[in-house]
Amino acid sequence: TGFLLIIYAGWDGHFSLSNFTLGGFYTATGVQE
């Protein structure tokens, strides 16, 4: 399942490295950086 998500999303250009930035973390938790 893990490899399928990575390969299939990457093949279609849906796998985004920008999802790993901390911006979403700050937005979700509201904590200071």
PDB file of all heavy atoms in Angstrom:
ATOM      1  N   THR A   1       0.830  -1.206   0.000  1.00  0.00           N
ATOM      2  CA  THR A   1       0.000   0.000   0.000  1.00  0.00           C
ATOM      3  C   THR A   1       0.863   1.255   0.000  1.00  0.00           C
ATOM      4  O   THR A   1       0.609   2.207  -0.745  1.00  0.00           O
ATOM      5  CB  THR A   1      -0.927   0.008   1.229  1.00  0.00           C
ATOM      6  OG1 THR A   1      -1.779  -1.140   1.192  1.00  0.00           O
ATOM      7  CG2 THR A   1      -1.780   1.263   1.260  1.00  0.00           C
ATOM      8  N   GLY A   2       1.903   1.259   0.845  1.00  0.00           N
ATOM      9  CA  GLY A   2       2.800   2.409   0.906  1.00  0.00           C
ATOM     10  C   GLY A   2       3.472   2.681  -0.427  1.00  0.00           C
ATOM     11  O   GLY A   2       3.487   3.818  -0.919  1.00  0.00           O
ATOM     12  N   PHE A   3       4.010   1.640  -1.047  1.00  0.00           N
ATOM     13  CA  PHE A   3       4.698   1.817  -2.331  1.00  0.00           C
ATOM     14  C   PHE A   3       3.716   2.203  -3.441  1.00  0.00           C
ATOM     15  O   PHE A   3       4.046   2.990  -4.336  1.00  0.00           O
ATOM     16  CB  PHE A   3       5.466   0.551  -2.704  1.00  0.00           C
ATOM     17  CG  PHE A   3       6.780   0.420  -1.993  1.00  0.00           C
ATOM     18  CD1 PHE A   3       7.016  -0.636  -1.127  1.00  0.00           C
ATOM     19  CD2 PHE A   3       7.787   1.350  -2.181  1.00  0.00           C
ATOM     20  CE1 PHE A   3       8.236  -0.751  -0.454  1.00  0.00           C
ATOM     21  CE2 PHE A   3       9.007   1.244  -1.525  1.00  0.00           C
ATOM     22  CZ  PHE A   3       9.233   0.189  -0.661  1.00  0.00           C
ATOM     23  N   LEU A   4       2.499   1.641  -3.394  1.00  0.00           N
ATOM     24  CA  LEU A   4       1.497   1.991  -4.397  1.00  0.00           C
ATOM     25  C   LEU A   4       1.153   3.476  -4.336  1.00  0.00           C
ATOM     26  O   LEU A   4       1.047   4.153  -5.370  1.00  0.00           O
ATOM     27  CB  LEU A   4       0.233   1.164  -4.192  1.00  0.00           C
ATOM     28  CG  LEU A   4       0.136  -0.150  -4.968  1.00  0.00           C
ATOM     29  CD1 LEU A   4      -1.100  -0.910  -4.536  1.00  0.00           C
ATOM     30  CD2 LEU A   4       0.099   0.117  -6.468  1.00  0.00           C
ATOM     31  N   LEU A   5       0.975   3.997  -3.115  1.00  0.00           N
ATOM     32  CA  LEU A   5       0.662   5.405  -2.964  1.00  0.00           C
ATOM     33  C   LEU A   5       1.787   6.280  -3.521  1.00  0.00           C
ATOM     34  O   LEU A   5       1.543   7.263  -4.229  1.00  0.00           O
ATOM     35  CB  LEU A   5       0.433   5.737  -1.485  1.00  0.00           C
ATOM     36  CG  LEU A   5      -0.933   5.356  -0.906  1.00  0.00           C
ATOM     37  CD1 LEU A   5      -0.915   5.472   0.608  1.00  0.00           C
ATOM     38  CD2 LEU A   5      -2.029   6.255  -1.485  1.00  0.00           C
ATOM     39  N   ILE A   6       3.016   5.896  -3.204  1.00  0.00           N
ATOM     40  CA  ILE A   6       4.172   6.684  -3.650  1.00  0.00           C
ATOM     41  C   ILE A   6       4.329   6.607  -5.164  1.00  0.00           C
ATOM     42  O   ILE A   6       4.456   7.631  -5.853  1.00  0.00           O
ATOM     43  CB  ILE A   6       5.456   6.199  -2.956  1.00  0.00           C
ATOM     44  CG1 ILE A   6       5.377   6.459  -1.454  1.00  0.00           C
ATOM     45  CG2 ILE A   6       6.687   6.896  -3.550  1.00  0.00           C
ATOM     46  CD1 ILE A   6       6.474   5.783  -0.651  1.00  0.00           C
ATOM     47  N   ILE A   7       4.301   5.399  -5.716  1.00  0.00           N
ATOM     48  CA  ILE A   7       4.548   5.204  -7.151  1.00  0.00           C
ATOM     49  C   ILE A   7       3.414   5.781  -7.986  1.00  0.00           C
ATOM     50  O   ILE A   7       3.642   6.523  -8.955  1.00  0.00           O
ATOM     51  CB  ILE A   7       4.745   3.706  -7.462  1.00  0.00           C
ATOM     52  CG1 ILE A   7       6.031   3.198  -6.787  1.00  0.00           C
ATOM     53  CG2 ILE A   7       4.796   3.470  -8.965  1.00  0.00           C
ATOM     54  CD1 ILE A   7       6.191   1.688  -6.835  1.00  0.00           C
ATOM     55  N   TYR A   8       2.169   5.464  -7.614  1.00  0.00           N
ATOM     56  CA  TYR A   8       1.035   5.913  -8.427  1.00  0.00           C
ATOM     57  C   TYR A   8       0.888   7.429  -8.360  1.00  0.00           C
ATOM     58  O   TYR A   8       0.669   8.088  -9.387  1.00  0.00           O
ATOM     59  CB  TYR A   8      -0.254   5.228  -7.950  1.00  0.00           C
ATOM     60  CG  TYR A   8      -1.335   5.230  -9.000  1.00  0.00           C
ATOM     61  CD1 TYR A   8      -1.512   4.140  -9.843  1.00  0.00           C
ATOM     62  CD2 TYR A   8      -2.179   6.330  -9.146  1.00  0.00           C
ATOM     63  CE1 TYR A   8      -2.500   4.147 -10.818  1.00  0.00           C
ATOM     64  CE2 TYR A   8      -3.172   6.335 -10.109  1.00  0.00           C
ATOM     65  CZ  TYR A   8      -3.333   5.248 -10.944  1.00  0.00           C
ATOM     66  OH  TYR A   8      -4.309   5.256 -11.912  1.00  0.00           O
ATOM     67  N   ALA A   9       0.994   7.999  -7.150  1.00  0.00           N
ATOM     68  CA  ALA A   9       0.881   9.454  -7.023  1.00  0.00           C
ATOM     69  C   ALA A   9       2.049  10.144  -7.717  1.00  0.00           C
ATOM     70  O   ALA A   9       1.884  11.187  -8.350  1.00  0.00           O
ATOM     71  CB  ALA A   9       0.833   9.845  -5.548  1.00  0.00           C
ATOM     72  N   GLY A  10       3.248   9.563  -7.620  1.00  0.00           N
ATOM     73  CA  GLY A  10       4.417  10.143  -8.278  1.00  0.00           C
ATOM     74  C   GLY A  10       4.314  10.070  -9.787  1.00  0.00           C
ATOM     75  O   GLY A  10       4.702  11.009 -10.499  1.00  0.00           O
ATOM     76  N   TRP A  11       3.773   8.963 -10.303  1.00  0.00           N
ATOM     77  CA  TRP A  11       3.641   8.778 -11.756  1.00  0.00           C
ATOM     78  C   TRP A  11       2.721   9.829 -12.360  1.00  0.00           C
ATOM     79  O   TRP A  11       2.969  10.351 -13.447  1.00  0.00           O
ATOM     80  CB  TRP A  11       3.094   7.382 -12.029  1.00  0.00           C
ATOM     81  CG  TRP A  11       3.022   7.039 -13.489  1.00  0.00           C
ATOM     82  CD1 TRP A  11       1.960   7.216 -14.327  1.00  0.00           C
ATOM     83  CD2 TRP A  11       4.068   6.467 -14.287  1.00  0.00           C
ATOM     84  NE1 TRP A  11       2.261   6.776 -15.597  1.00  0.00           N
ATOM     85  CE2 TRP A  11       3.557   6.311 -15.597  1.00  0.00           C
ATOM     86  CE3 TRP A  11       5.370   6.059 -14.012  1.00  0.00           C
ATOM     87  CZ2 TRP A  11       4.310   5.778 -16.637  1.00  0.00           C
ATOM     88  CZ3 TRP A  11       6.122   5.526 -15.049  1.00  0.00           C
ATOM     89  CH2 TRP A  11       5.602   5.397 -16.344  1.00  0.00           C
ATOM     90  N   ASP A  12       1.643  10.164 -11.641  1.00  0.00           N
ATOM     91  CA  ASP A  12       0.695  11.159 -12.143  1.00  0.00           C
ATOM     92  C   ASP A  12       1.022  12.580 -11.691  1.00  0.00           C
ATOM     93  O   ASP A  12       0.252  13.506 -11.951  1.00  0.00           O
ATOM     94  CB  ASP A  12      -0.728  10.811 -11.666  1.00  0.00           C
ATOM     95  CG  ASP A  12      -1.314   9.639 -12.450  1.00  0.00           C
ATOM     96  OD1 ASP A  12      -0.677   9.207 -13.426  1.00  0.00           O
ATOM     97  OD2 ASP A  12      -2.402   9.175 -12.085  1.00  0.00           O
ATOM     98  N   GLY A  13       2.126  12.729 -10.982  1.00  0.00           N
ATOM     99  CA  GLY A  13       2.525  14.059 -10.528  1.00  0.00           C
ATOM    100  C   GLY A  13       1.771  14.558  -9.311  1.00  0.00           C
ATOM    101  O   GLY A  13       1.804  15.753  -8.996  1.00  0.00           O
ATOM    102  N   HIS A  14       1.084  13.644  -8.589  1.00  0.00           N
ATOM    103  CA  HIS A  14       0.335  14.037  -7.400  1.00  0.00           C
ATOM    104  C   HIS A  14       1.172  13.965  -6.129  1.00  0.00           C
ATOM    105  O   HIS A  14       0.757  14.492  -5.096  1.00  0.00           O
ATOM    106  CB  HIS A  14      -0.904  13.143  -7.224  1.00  0.00           C
ATOM    107  CG  HIS A  14      -1.923  13.324  -8.308  1.00  0.00           C
ATOM    108  ND1 HIS A  14      -2.646  12.270  -8.843  1.00  0.00           N
ATOM    109  CD2 HIS A  14      -2.321  14.427  -8.971  1.00  0.00           C
ATOM    110  CE1 HIS A  14      -3.447  12.719  -9.782  1.00  0.00           C
ATOM    111  NE2 HIS A  14      -3.275  14.022  -9.881  1.00  0.00           N
ATOM    112  N   PHE A  15       2.302  13.277  -6.187  1.00  0.00           N
ATOM    113  CA  PHE A  15       3.130  13.154  -4.985  1.00  0.00           C
ATOM    114  C   PHE A  15       3.931  14.447  -4.829  1.00  0.00           C
ATOM    115  O   PHE A  15       4.751  14.787  -5.682  1.00  0.00           O
ATOM    116  CB  PHE A  15       4.082  11.955  -5.082  1.00  0.00           C
ATOM    117  CG  PHE A  15       4.677  11.554  -3.769  1.00  0.00           C
ATOM    118  CD1 PHE A  15       4.033  10.641  -2.949  1.00  0.00           C
ATOM    119  CD2 PHE A  15       5.886  12.094  -3.330  1.00  0.00           C
ATOM    120  CE1 PHE A  15       4.571  10.266  -1.738  1.00  0.00           C
ATOM    121  CE2 PHE A  15       6.426  11.731  -2.129  1.00  0.00           C
ATOM    122  CZ  PHE A  15       5.773  10.812  -1.315  1.00  0.00           C
ATOM    123  N   SER A  16       3.668  15.158  -3.750  1.00  0.00           N
ATOM    124  CA  SER A  16       4.238  16.495  -3.582  1.00  0.00           C
ATOM    125  C   SER A  16       5.178  16.564  -2.380  1.00  0.00           C
ATOM    126  O   SER A  16       4.753  16.300  -1.251  1.00  0.00           O
ATOM    127  CB  SER A  16       3.117  17.529  -3.408  1.00  0.00           C
ATOM    128  OG  SER A  16       3.654  18.810  -3.161  1.00  0.00           O
ATOM    129  N   LEU A  17       6.433  16.936  -2.640  1.00  0.00           N
ATOM    130  CA  LEU A  17       7.395  17.118  -1.553  1.00  0.00           C
ATOM    131  C   LEU A  17       7.067  18.347  -0.722  1.00  0.00           C
ATOM    132  O   LEU A  17       7.496  18.444   0.443  1.00  0.00           O
ATOM    133  CB  LEU A  17       8.815  17.223  -2.123  1.00  0.00           C
ATOM    134  CG  LEU A  17       9.354  15.954  -2.801  1.00  0.00           C
ATOM    135  CD1 LEU A  17      10.751  16.201  -3.347  1.00  0.00           C
ATOM    136  CD2 LEU A  17       9.383  14.775  -1.822  1.00  0.00           C
ATOM    137  N   SER A  18       6.285  19.275  -1.281  1.00  0.00           N
ATOM    138  CA  SER A  18       5.908  20.465  -0.506  1.00  0.00           C
ATOM    139  C   SER A  18       4.991  20.109   0.663  1.00  0.00           C
ATOM    140  O   SER A  18       4.860  20.883   1.618  1.00  0.00           O
ATOM    141  CB  SER A  18       5.201  21.486  -1.421  1.00  0.00           C
ATOM    142  OG  SER A  18       3.988  20.953  -1.925  1.00  0.00           O
ATOM    143  N   ASN A  19       4.365  18.926   0.605  1.00  0.00           N
ATOM    144  CA  ASN A  19       3.519  18.488   1.725  1.00  0.00           C
ATOM    145  C   ASN A  19       4.329  18.219   2.987  1.00  0.00           C
ATOM    146  O   ASN A  19       3.769  18.131   4.083  1.00  0.00           O
ATOM    147  CB  ASN A  19       2.764  17.210   1.356  1.00  0.00           C
ATOM    148  CG  ASN A  19       1.676  17.449   0.335  1.00  0.00           C
ATOM    149  OD1 ASN A  19       1.439  18.577  -0.066  1.00  0.00           O
ATOM    150  ND2 ASN A  19       1.014  16.378  -0.085  1.00  0.00           N
ATOM    151  N   PHE A  20       5.639  18.070   2.827  1.00  0.00           N
ATOM    152  CA  PHE A  20       6.487  17.748   3.972  1.00  0.00           C
ATOM    153  C   PHE A  20       7.047  18.992   4.662  1.00  0.00           C
ATOM    154  O   PHE A  20       7.803  18.890   5.617  1.00  0.00           O
ATOM    155  CB  PHE A  20       7.646  16.846   3.535  1.00  0.00           C
ATOM    156  CG  PHE A  20       7.197  15.504   3.039  1.00  0.00           C
ATOM    157  CD1 PHE A  20       6.948  15.287   1.695  1.00  0.00           C
ATOM    158  CD2 PHE A  20       6.991  14.459   3.918  1.00  0.00           C
ATOM    159  CE1 PHE A  20       6.514  14.054   1.236  1.00  0.00           C
ATOM    160  CE2 PHE A  20       6.564  13.216   3.476  1.00  0.00           C
ATOM    161  CZ  PHE A  20       6.323  13.017   2.128  1.00  0.00           C
ATOM    162  N   THR A  21       6.705  20.190   4.196  1.00  0.00           N
ATOM    163  CA  THR A  21       7.170  21.414   4.849  1.00  0.00           C
ATOM    164  C   THR A  21       6.392  21.613   6.151  1.00  0.00           C
ATOM    165  O   THR A  21       5.298  21.058   6.333  1.00  0.00           O
ATOM    166  CB  THR A  21       6.969  22.630   3.941  1.00  0.00           C
ATOM    167  OG1 THR A  21       5.570  22.795   3.677  1.00  0.00           O
ATOM    168  CG2 THR A  21       7.719  22.452   2.622  1.00  0.00           C
ATOM    169  N   LEU A  22       6.922  22.437   7.036  1.00  0.00           N
ATOM    170  CA  LEU A  22       6.311  22.621   8.349  1.00  0.00           C
ATOM    171  C   LEU A  22       5.175  23.640   8.344  1.00  0.00           C
ATOM    172  O   LEU A  22       4.550  23.871   9.375  1.00  0.00           O
ATOM    173  CB  LEU A  22       7.374  23.040   9.365  1.00  0.00           C
ATOM    174  CG  LEU A  22       8.404  21.956   9.701  1.00  0.00           C
ATOM    175  CD1 LEU A  22       9.444  22.500  10.669  1.00  0.00           C
ATOM    176  CD2 LEU A  22       7.742  20.727  10.293  1.00  0.00           C
ATOM    177  N   GLY A  23       4.897  24.254   7.184  1.00  0.00           N
ATOM    178  CA  GLY A  23       3.814  25.222   7.125  1.00  0.00           C
ATOM    179  C   GLY A  23       2.486  24.638   7.555  1.00  0.00           C
ATOM    180  O   GLY A  23       1.728  25.243   8.309  1.00  0.00           O
ATOM    181  N   GLY A  24       2.194  23.442   7.065  1.00  0.00           N
ATOM    182  CA  GLY A  24       0.952  22.779   7.451  1.00  0.00           C
ATOM    183  C   GLY A  24       0.911  22.439   8.930  1.00  0.00           C
ATOM    184  O   GLY A  24      -0.138  22.464   9.564  1.00  0.00           O
ATOM    185  N   PHE A  25       2.076  22.134   9.494  1.00  0.00           N
ATOM    186  CA  PHE A  25       2.138  21.836  10.929  1.00  0.00           C
ATOM    187  C   PHE A  25       1.762  23.067  11.743  1.00  0.00           C
ATOM    188  O   PHE A  25       0.964  22.994  12.675  1.00  0.00           O
ATOM    189  CB  PHE A  25       3.551  21.369  11.301  1.00  0.00           C
ATOM    190  CG  PHE A  25       3.806  21.332  12.779  1.00  0.00           C
ATOM    191  CD1 PHE A  25       3.292  20.317  13.557  1.00  0.00           C
ATOM    192  CD2 PHE A  25       4.563  22.319  13.394  1.00  0.00           C
ATOM    193  CE1 PHE A  25       3.514  20.278  14.928  1.00  0.00           C
ATOM    194  CE2 PHE A  25       4.794  22.290  14.755  1.00  0.00           C
ATOM    195  CZ  PHE A  25       4.268  21.268  15.521  1.00  0.00           C
ATOM    196  N   TYR A  26       2.314  24.219  11.387  1.00  0.00           N
ATOM    197  CA  TYR A  26       2.013  25.438  12.123  1.00  0.00           C
ATOM    198  C   TYR A  26       0.546  25.824  11.979  1.00  0.00           C
ATOM    199  O   TYR A  26      -0.100  26.244  12.930  1.00  0.00           O
ATOM    200  CB  TYR A  26       2.904  26.590  11.639  1.00  0.00           C
ATOM    201  CG  TYR A  26       4.375  26.326  11.834  1.00  0.00           C
ATOM    202  CD1 TYR A  26       5.280  26.502  10.800  1.00  0.00           C
ATOM    203  CD2 TYR A  26       4.854  25.876  13.064  1.00  0.00           C
ATOM    204  CE1 TYR A  26       6.628  26.242  10.977  1.00  0.00           C
ATOM    205  CE2 TYR A  26       6.201  25.615  13.246  1.00  0.00           C
ATOM    206  CZ  TYR A  26       7.092  25.802  12.204  1.00  0.00           C
ATOM    207  OH  TYR A  26       8.416  25.540  12.382  1.00  0.00           O
ATOM    208  N   THR A  27       0.011  25.641  10.770  1.00  0.00           N
ATOM    209  CA  THR A  27      -1.394  25.968  10.543  1.00  0.00           C
ATOM    210  C   THR A  27      -2.306  25.056  11.359  1.00  0.00           C
ATOM    211  O   THR A  27      -3.312  25.491  11.918  1.00  0.00           O
ATOM    212  CB  THR A  27      -1.754  25.834   9.047  1.00  0.00           C
ATOM    213  OG1 THR A  27      -0.869  26.659   8.288  1.00  0.00           O
ATOM    214  CG2 THR A  27      -3.190  26.254   8.791  1.00  0.00           C
ATOM    215  N   ALA A  28      -1.941  23.782  11.429  1.00  0.00           N
ATOM    216  CA  ALA A  28      -2.784  22.805  12.128  1.00  0.00           C
ATOM    217  C   ALA A  28      -2.765  22.987  13.640  1.00  0.00           C
ATOM    218  O   ALA A  28      -3.774  22.810  14.313  1.00  0.00           O
ATOM    219  CB  ALA A  28      -2.331  21.388  11.775  1.00  0.00           C
ATOM    220  N   THR A  29      -1.605  23.321  14.199  1.00  0.00           N
ATOM    221  CA  THR A  29      -1.456  23.356  15.648  1.00  0.00           C
ATOM    222  C   THR A  29      -1.498  24.752  16.242  1.00  0.00           C
ATOM    223  O   THR A  29      -1.792  24.922  17.417  1.00  0.00           O
ATOM    224  CB  THR A  29      -0.131  22.689  16.062  1.00  0.00           C
ATOM    225  OG1 THR A  29       0.958  23.416  15.464  1.00  0.00           O
ATOM    226  CG2 THR A  29      -0.085  21.251  15.598  1.00  0.00           C
ATOM    227  N   GLY A  30      -1.143  25.738  15.465  1.00  0.00           N
ATOM    228  CA  GLY A  30      -1.136  27.103  15.962  1.00  0.00           C
ATOM    229  C   GLY A  30       0.010  27.412  16.903  1.00  0.00           C
ATOM    230  O   GLY A  30      -0.022  28.419  17.612  1.00  0.00           O
ATOM    231  N   VAL A  31       1.044  26.591  16.911  1.00  0.00           N
ATOM    232  CA  VAL A  31       2.168  26.814  17.826  1.00  0.00           C
ATOM    233  C   VAL A  31       3.183  27.742  17.190  1.00  0.00           C
ATOM    234  O   VAL A  31       3.189  27.976  15.990  1.00  0.00           O
ATOM    235  CB  VAL A  31       2.857  25.483  18.197  1.00  0.00           C
ATOM    236  CG1 VAL A  31       1.877  24.533  18.827  1.00  0.00           C
ATOM    237  CG2 VAL A  31       3.495  24.845  16.967  1.00  0.00           C
ATOM    238  N   GLN A  32       4.049  28.285  18.012  1.00  0.00           N
ATOM    239  CA  GLN A  32       5.112  29.140  17.520  1.00  0.00           C
ATOM    240  C   GLN A  32       6.181  28.304  16.839  1.00  0.00           C
ATOM    241  O   GLN A  32       6.363  27.117  17.151  1.00  0.00           O
ATOM    242  CB  GLN A  32       5.727  29.929  18.677  1.00  0.00           C
ATOM    243  CG  GLN A  32       4.745  30.882  19.356  1.00  0.00           C
ATOM    244  CD  GLN A  32       5.398  31.626  20.504  1.00  0.00           C
ATOM    245  OE1 GLN A  32       6.492  31.289  20.930  1.00  0.00           O
ATOM    246  NE2 GLN A  32       4.722  32.660  20.982  1.00  0.00           N
ATOM    247  N   GLU A  33       6.887  28.919  15.906  1.00  0.00           N
ATOM    248  CA  GLU A  33       7.906  28.208  15.144  1.00  0.00           C
ATOM    249  C   GLU A  33       9.184  28.083  15.966  1.00  0.00           C
ATOM    250  O   GLU A  33      10.207  28.696  15.676  1.00  0.00           O
ATOM    251  CB  GLU A  33       8.174  28.928  13.817  1.00  0.00           C
ATOM    252  CG  GLU A  33       6.945  28.969  12.919  1.00  0.00           C
ATOM    253  CD  GLU A  33       7.251  29.567  11.560  1.00  0.00           C
ATOM    254  OE1 GLU A  33       8.441  29.579  11.177  1.00  0.00           O
ATOM    255  OE2 GLU A  33       6.324  30.004  10.883  1.00  0.00           O
TER     256      GLU A  33
END
